[in-house]
Amino acid sequence: MVIRFKSCLLGVALFSVVIKVHFAQATCAAGQSPTVDGGCVDCAPGKYSPAEGVDCMNCLRGSYAPNNGSLTCTACPLGTYAANEGQTQCDECPAGWCVCVCALPPPAKAY
């Protein structure tokens, strides 16, 4: 506890009390992130944690994680894409569009 005197007015001390509270930060296993109460929770679908002590992160565009507790994200298969980060599945390339080699949204219509 730290007591800081802000001012004295007519013999009365006005002070503030600063209390710092630190929660124990858990070191979570791969596939998990710490919670505010010091525990661990599995990464949600669309997120991953590759190693112990690394917080869950969104899967990058072009990849997905369908389950809780993922250690990695899976690249979208040929003919599918993931346009956004944090996807839980890949979408089919629309008919008449290019094959999604990079697993990103189709850049141009095939002729």
N, C-alpha and C. Protein backbone atom coordinates (compact mmCIF):
# COMPACT_ATOMS: atom_id res chain seq x y z
N MET A 1 0.84 -1.16 0.00
CA MET A 1 0.00 0.00 0.00
C MET A 1 0.90 1.23 0.00
N VAL A 2 0.53 2.19 -0.84
CA VAL A 2 1.27 3.43 -0.95
C VAL A 2 0.34 4.57 -0.58
N ILE A 3 0.76 5.43 0.31
CA ILE A 3 -0.06 6.60 0.69
C ILE A 3 0.63 7.84 0.15
N ARG A 4 -0.12 8.60 -0.62
CA ARG A 4 0.40 9.84 -1.17
C ARG A 4 -0.44 10.99 -0.65
N PHE A 5 0.20 11.97 -0.06
CA PHE A 5 -0.52 13.15 0.40
C PHE A 5 -0.68 14.11 -0.77
N LYS A 6 -1.93 14.47 -1.07
CA LYS A 6 -2.18 15.38 -2.17
C LYS A 6 -2.11 16.84 -1.71
N SER A 7 -2.67 17.13 -0.58
CA SER A 7 -2.61 18.50 -0.07
C SER A 7 -3.06 18.52 1.38
N CYS A 8 -2.74 19.59 2.07
CA CYS A 8 -3.23 19.80 3.43
C CYS A 8 -4.09 21.06 3.40
N LEU A 9 -5.27 20.95 3.91
CA LEU A 9 -6.18 22.08 3.92
C LEU A 9 -6.75 22.22 5.32
N LEU A 10 -6.43 23.32 5.99
CA LEU A 10 -6.89 23.59 7.33
C LEU A 10 -6.57 22.45 8.29
N GLY A 11 -5.38 21.90 8.16
CA GLY A 11 -4.94 20.86 9.08
C GLY A 11 -5.48 19.48 8.78
N VAL A 12 -6.25 19.33 7.70
CA VAL A 12 -6.79 18.02 7.34
C VAL A 12 -6.00 17.50 6.14
N ALA A 13 -5.47 16.35 6.29
CA ALA A 13 -4.68 15.77 5.20
C ALA A 13 -5.60 15.02 4.26
N LEU A 14 -5.56 15.41 3.01
CA LEU A 14 -6.29 14.68 1.99
C LEU A 14 -5.28 13.75 1.33
N PHE A 15 -5.59 12.49 1.27
CA PHE A 15 -4.63 11.54 0.71
C PHE A 15 -5.35 10.50 -0.14
N SER A 16 -4.56 9.87 -0.94
CA SER A 16 -5.11 8.78 -1.76
C SER A 16 -4.33 7.52 -1.45
N VAL A 17 -5.00 6.41 -1.55
CA VAL A 17 -4.38 5.12 -1.32
C VAL A 17 -4.34 4.39 -2.65
N VAL A 18 -3.16 3.96 -3.01
CA VAL A 18 -2.98 3.22 -4.26
C VAL A 18 -2.69 1.77 -3.90
N ILE A 19 -3.52 0.88 -4.38
CA ILE A 19 -3.33 -0.54 -4.13
C ILE A 19 -3.14 -1.22 -5.48
N LYS A 20 -2.05 -1.92 -5.62
CA LYS A 20 -1.79 -2.64 -6.86
C LYS A 20 -2.10 -4.11 -6.62
N VAL A 21 -2.91 -4.67 -7.50
CA VAL A 21 -3.25 -6.08 -7.42
C VAL A 21 -2.72 -6.75 -8.67
N HIS A 22 -1.96 -7.79 -8.50
CA HIS A 22 -1.43 -8.55 -9.62
C HIS A 22 -2.00 -9.95 -9.56
N PHE A 23 -2.64 -10.37 -10.64
CA PHE A 23 -3.12 -11.73 -10.72
C PHE A 23 -1.99 -12.60 -11.26
N ALA A 24 -1.90 -13.77 -10.75
CA ALA A 24 -0.89 -14.70 -11.26
C ALA A 24 -1.26 -15.04 -12.70
N GLN A 25 -0.34 -14.81 -13.61
CA GLN A 25 -0.57 -15.11 -15.02
C GLN A 25 -0.17 -16.56 -15.26
N ALA A 26 -1.12 -17.35 -15.71
CA ALA A 26 -0.85 -18.75 -15.96
C ALA A 26 -0.01 -18.91 -17.22
N THR A 27 0.86 -19.89 -17.22
CA THR A 27 1.54 -20.27 -18.45
C THR A 27 0.75 -21.43 -19.01
N CYS A 28 0.05 -21.15 -20.08
CA CYS A 28 -0.86 -22.14 -20.64
C CYS A 28 -0.17 -23.00 -21.69
N ALA A 29 -0.71 -24.18 -21.87
CA ALA A 29 -0.19 -25.12 -22.86
C ALA A 29 -0.48 -24.60 -24.27
N ALA A 30 0.21 -25.15 -25.25
CA ALA A 30 -0.10 -24.84 -26.65
C ALA A 30 -1.57 -25.15 -26.89
N GLY A 31 -2.23 -24.29 -27.68
CA GLY A 31 -3.66 -24.48 -27.95
C GLY A 31 -4.55 -23.81 -26.92
N GLN A 32 -3.94 -23.07 -25.97
CA GLN A 32 -4.71 -22.39 -24.91
C GLN A 32 -4.19 -20.97 -24.70
N SER A 33 -5.05 -20.16 -24.06
CA SER A 33 -4.67 -18.80 -23.65
C SER A 33 -5.07 -18.62 -22.19
N PRO A 34 -4.37 -17.70 -21.48
CA PRO A 34 -4.73 -17.44 -20.09
C PRO A 34 -6.03 -16.66 -19.97
N THR A 35 -6.73 -16.88 -18.86
CA THR A 35 -7.95 -16.13 -18.55
C THR A 35 -7.62 -15.08 -17.50
N VAL A 36 -8.52 -14.13 -17.29
CA VAL A 36 -8.28 -13.06 -16.33
C VAL A 36 -8.17 -13.58 -14.90
N ASP A 37 -8.77 -14.73 -14.61
CA ASP A 37 -8.71 -15.27 -13.25
C ASP A 37 -7.52 -16.19 -13.02
N GLY A 38 -6.59 -16.25 -14.01
CA GLY A 38 -5.38 -17.04 -13.82
C GLY A 38 -5.45 -18.45 -14.33
N GLY A 39 -6.56 -18.84 -14.95
CA GLY A 39 -6.68 -20.18 -15.51
C GLY A 39 -6.31 -20.19 -16.98
N CYS A 40 -6.64 -21.27 -17.64
CA CYS A 40 -6.39 -21.41 -19.08
C CYS A 40 -7.67 -21.86 -19.77
N VAL A 41 -7.81 -21.45 -21.02
CA VAL A 41 -8.97 -21.85 -21.82
C VAL A 41 -8.48 -22.20 -23.22
N ASP A 42 -9.11 -23.21 -23.82
CA ASP A 42 -8.75 -23.61 -25.18
C ASP A 42 -8.99 -22.46 -26.15
N CYS A 43 -8.14 -22.37 -27.16
CA CYS A 43 -8.37 -21.41 -28.24
C CYS A 43 -9.70 -21.74 -28.91
N ALA A 44 -10.45 -20.73 -29.28
CA ALA A 44 -11.72 -20.91 -29.96
C ALA A 44 -11.47 -21.34 -31.41
N PRO A 45 -12.45 -21.96 -32.06
CA PRO A 45 -12.29 -22.27 -33.48
C PRO A 45 -11.93 -20.99 -34.26
N GLY A 46 -11.04 -21.15 -35.24
CA GLY A 46 -10.56 -20.00 -36.00
C GLY A 46 -9.32 -19.37 -35.40
N LYS A 47 -8.89 -19.86 -34.24
CA LYS A 47 -7.70 -19.36 -33.55
C LYS A 47 -6.76 -20.51 -33.23
N TYR A 48 -5.50 -20.18 -32.97
CA TYR A 48 -4.51 -21.20 -32.63
C TYR A 48 -3.45 -20.62 -31.71
N SER A 49 -2.75 -21.49 -31.02
CA SER A 49 -1.60 -21.14 -30.19
C SER A 49 -0.56 -22.22 -30.40
N PRO A 50 0.57 -21.87 -31.06
CA PRO A 50 1.52 -22.90 -31.46
C PRO A 50 2.45 -23.43 -30.37
N ALA A 51 2.54 -22.72 -29.24
CA ALA A 51 3.49 -23.16 -28.22
C ALA A 51 3.02 -22.73 -26.83
N GLU A 52 3.58 -23.37 -25.82
CA GLU A 52 3.28 -23.02 -24.43
C GLU A 52 3.57 -21.54 -24.20
N GLY A 53 2.64 -20.85 -23.52
CA GLY A 53 2.84 -19.45 -23.17
C GLY A 53 2.53 -18.46 -24.27
N VAL A 54 2.06 -18.93 -25.43
CA VAL A 54 1.71 -18.04 -26.54
C VAL A 54 0.19 -17.90 -26.58
N ASP A 55 -0.30 -16.65 -26.53
CA ASP A 55 -1.74 -16.41 -26.58
C ASP A 55 -2.34 -16.86 -27.90
N CYS A 56 -3.63 -17.16 -27.89
CA CYS A 56 -4.33 -17.56 -29.10
C CYS A 56 -4.34 -16.41 -30.11
N MET A 57 -4.15 -16.76 -31.38
CA MET A 57 -4.14 -15.78 -32.47
C MET A 57 -5.09 -16.25 -33.55
N ASN A 58 -5.61 -15.29 -34.34
CA ASN A 58 -6.46 -15.64 -35.47
C ASN A 58 -5.65 -16.39 -36.52
N CYS A 59 -6.27 -17.38 -37.15
CA CYS A 59 -5.66 -17.99 -38.33
C CYS A 59 -5.59 -16.92 -39.41
N LEU A 60 -4.54 -16.95 -40.20
CA LEU A 60 -4.37 -15.97 -41.27
C LEU A 60 -5.28 -16.29 -42.45
N ARG A 61 -5.47 -15.30 -43.31
CA ARG A 61 -6.24 -15.52 -44.53
C ARG A 61 -5.63 -16.70 -45.28
N GLY A 62 -6.48 -17.51 -45.86
CA GLY A 62 -6.01 -18.67 -46.59
C GLY A 62 -5.86 -19.91 -45.73
N SER A 63 -6.22 -19.82 -44.45
CA SER A 63 -6.13 -20.97 -43.55
C SER A 63 -7.31 -20.96 -42.59
N TYR A 64 -7.49 -22.08 -41.87
CA TYR A 64 -8.63 -22.21 -40.96
C TYR A 64 -8.29 -23.16 -39.82
N ALA A 65 -9.08 -23.09 -38.75
CA ALA A 65 -8.98 -24.02 -37.62
C ALA A 65 -10.41 -24.35 -37.19
N PRO A 66 -10.89 -25.56 -37.48
CA PRO A 66 -12.29 -25.89 -37.22
C PRO A 66 -12.62 -26.24 -35.77
N ASN A 67 -11.60 -26.54 -34.96
CA ASN A 67 -11.86 -27.05 -33.61
C ASN A 67 -11.30 -26.16 -32.52
N ASN A 68 -11.76 -26.37 -31.29
CA ASN A 68 -11.19 -25.72 -30.12
C ASN A 68 -9.79 -26.28 -29.86
N GLY A 69 -8.91 -25.45 -29.30
CA GLY A 69 -7.61 -25.92 -28.85
C GLY A 69 -6.61 -26.20 -29.96
N SER A 70 -6.73 -25.52 -31.09
CA SER A 70 -5.82 -25.78 -32.21
C SER A 70 -4.40 -25.29 -31.92
N LEU A 71 -3.43 -26.09 -32.36
CA LEU A 71 -2.02 -25.73 -32.25
C LEU A 71 -1.55 -25.04 -33.53
N THR A 72 -2.22 -25.32 -34.63
CA THR A 72 -1.88 -24.74 -35.94
C THR A 72 -3.16 -24.49 -36.71
N CYS A 73 -3.02 -23.77 -37.80
CA CYS A 73 -4.11 -23.60 -38.75
C CYS A 73 -3.79 -24.43 -39.97
N THR A 74 -4.82 -24.87 -40.66
CA THR A 74 -4.67 -25.70 -41.85
C THR A 74 -4.87 -24.84 -43.09
N ALA A 75 -3.97 -24.99 -44.06
CA ALA A 75 -4.12 -24.26 -45.32
C ALA A 75 -5.36 -24.76 -46.05
N CYS A 76 -6.07 -23.85 -46.69
CA CYS A 76 -7.25 -24.24 -47.45
C CYS A 76 -6.83 -25.12 -48.63
N PRO A 77 -7.60 -26.17 -48.90
CA PRO A 77 -7.28 -27.03 -50.03
C PRO A 77 -7.50 -26.32 -51.37
N LEU A 78 -6.89 -26.86 -52.40
CA LEU A 78 -7.04 -26.33 -53.75
C LEU A 78 -8.52 -26.25 -54.12
N GLY A 79 -8.93 -25.13 -54.68
CA GLY A 79 -10.33 -24.94 -55.06
C GLY A 79 -11.18 -24.31 -53.97
N THR A 80 -10.55 -23.97 -52.83
CA THR A 80 -11.26 -23.30 -51.73
C THR A 80 -10.43 -22.10 -51.29
N TYR A 81 -11.05 -21.23 -50.47
CA TYR A 81 -10.34 -20.05 -49.97
C TYR A 81 -10.90 -19.62 -48.62
N ALA A 82 -10.12 -18.86 -47.88
CA ALA A 82 -10.55 -18.22 -46.63
C ALA A 82 -10.22 -16.74 -46.77
N ALA A 83 -11.24 -15.93 -46.99
CA ALA A 83 -11.05 -14.51 -47.29
C ALA A 83 -10.65 -13.70 -46.06
N ASN A 84 -11.01 -14.15 -44.88
CA ASN A 84 -10.77 -13.37 -43.66
C ASN A 84 -9.91 -14.13 -42.67
N GLU A 85 -9.32 -13.40 -41.75
CA GLU A 85 -8.60 -14.03 -40.64
C GLU A 85 -9.61 -14.66 -39.70
N GLY A 86 -9.20 -15.69 -39.00
CA GLY A 86 -10.03 -16.31 -37.97
C GLY A 86 -11.15 -17.18 -38.48
N GLN A 87 -11.00 -17.72 -39.67
CA GLN A 87 -12.07 -18.56 -40.22
C GLN A 87 -12.01 -19.97 -39.67
N THR A 88 -13.19 -20.61 -39.58
CA THR A 88 -13.31 -21.97 -39.08
C THR A 88 -13.45 -22.98 -40.21
N GLN A 89 -13.61 -22.51 -41.43
CA GLN A 89 -13.70 -23.37 -42.60
C GLN A 89 -13.34 -22.57 -43.84
N CYS A 90 -13.07 -23.27 -44.93
CA CYS A 90 -12.77 -22.61 -46.21
C CYS A 90 -14.03 -22.64 -47.06
N ASP A 91 -14.14 -21.67 -47.94
CA ASP A 91 -15.28 -21.58 -48.85
C ASP A 91 -14.88 -22.09 -50.22
N GLU A 92 -15.85 -22.66 -50.95
CA GLU A 92 -15.61 -23.15 -52.31
C GLU A 92 -15.41 -21.97 -53.24
N CYS A 93 -14.48 -22.10 -54.18
CA CYS A 93 -14.34 -21.07 -55.21
C CYS A 93 -15.62 -21.07 -56.05
N PRO A 94 -16.13 -19.89 -56.39
CA PRO A 94 -17.35 -19.83 -57.20
C PRO A 94 -17.12 -20.44 -58.59
N ALA A 95 -18.17 -21.00 -59.14
CA ALA A 95 -18.10 -21.58 -60.48
C ALA A 95 -17.68 -20.51 -61.48
N GLY A 96 -16.77 -20.86 -62.37
CA GLY A 96 -16.31 -19.92 -63.38
C GLY A 96 -15.17 -19.04 -62.93
N TRP A 97 -14.74 -19.19 -61.68
CA TRP A 97 -13.61 -18.41 -61.17
C TRP A 97 -12.36 -19.26 -61.24
N CYS A 98 -11.24 -18.59 -61.12
CA CYS A 98 -9.97 -19.31 -61.18
C CYS A 98 -9.84 -20.30 -60.03
N VAL A 99 -8.98 -21.27 -60.19
CA VAL A 99 -8.67 -22.18 -59.10
C VAL A 99 -7.86 -21.39 -58.08
N CYS A 100 -8.20 -21.49 -56.84
CA CYS A 100 -7.58 -20.68 -55.79
C CYS A 100 -6.25 -21.29 -55.36
N VAL A 101 -5.25 -21.11 -56.14
CA VAL A 101 -3.94 -21.69 -55.84
C VAL A 101 -3.40 -21.17 -54.52
N CYS A 102 -3.60 -19.89 -54.25
CA CYS A 102 -3.08 -19.29 -53.02
C CYS A 102 -4.04 -19.42 -51.85
N ALA A 103 -5.18 -20.02 -52.06
CA ALA A 103 -6.20 -20.22 -51.03
C ALA A 103 -6.77 -18.90 -50.52
N LEU A 104 -6.65 -17.86 -51.33
CA LEU A 104 -7.25 -16.57 -51.02
C LEU A 104 -8.43 -16.35 -51.94
N PRO A 105 -9.20 -15.28 -51.76
CA PRO A 105 -10.35 -15.08 -52.63
C PRO A 105 -9.93 -15.06 -54.10
N PRO A 106 -10.74 -15.60 -54.98
CA PRO A 106 -10.40 -15.62 -56.39
C PRO A 106 -10.16 -14.21 -56.91
N PRO A 107 -9.00 -13.96 -57.52
CA PRO A 107 -8.68 -12.60 -57.96
C PRO A 107 -9.36 -12.18 -59.25
N ALA A 108 -9.67 -13.12 -60.14
CA ALA A 108 -10.27 -12.75 -61.42
C ALA A 108 -11.11 -13.89 -61.95
N LYS A 109 -12.08 -13.53 -62.75
CA LYS A 109 -12.94 -14.54 -63.36
C LYS A 109 -12.19 -15.21 -64.51
N ALA A 110 -12.30 -16.53 -64.61
CA ALA A 110 -11.65 -17.26 -65.69
C ALA A 110 -12.45 -17.07 -66.98
N TYR A 111 -11.75 -16.98 -68.06
CA TYR A 111 -12.42 -16.80 -69.36
C TYR A 111 -12.21 -18.01 -70.22
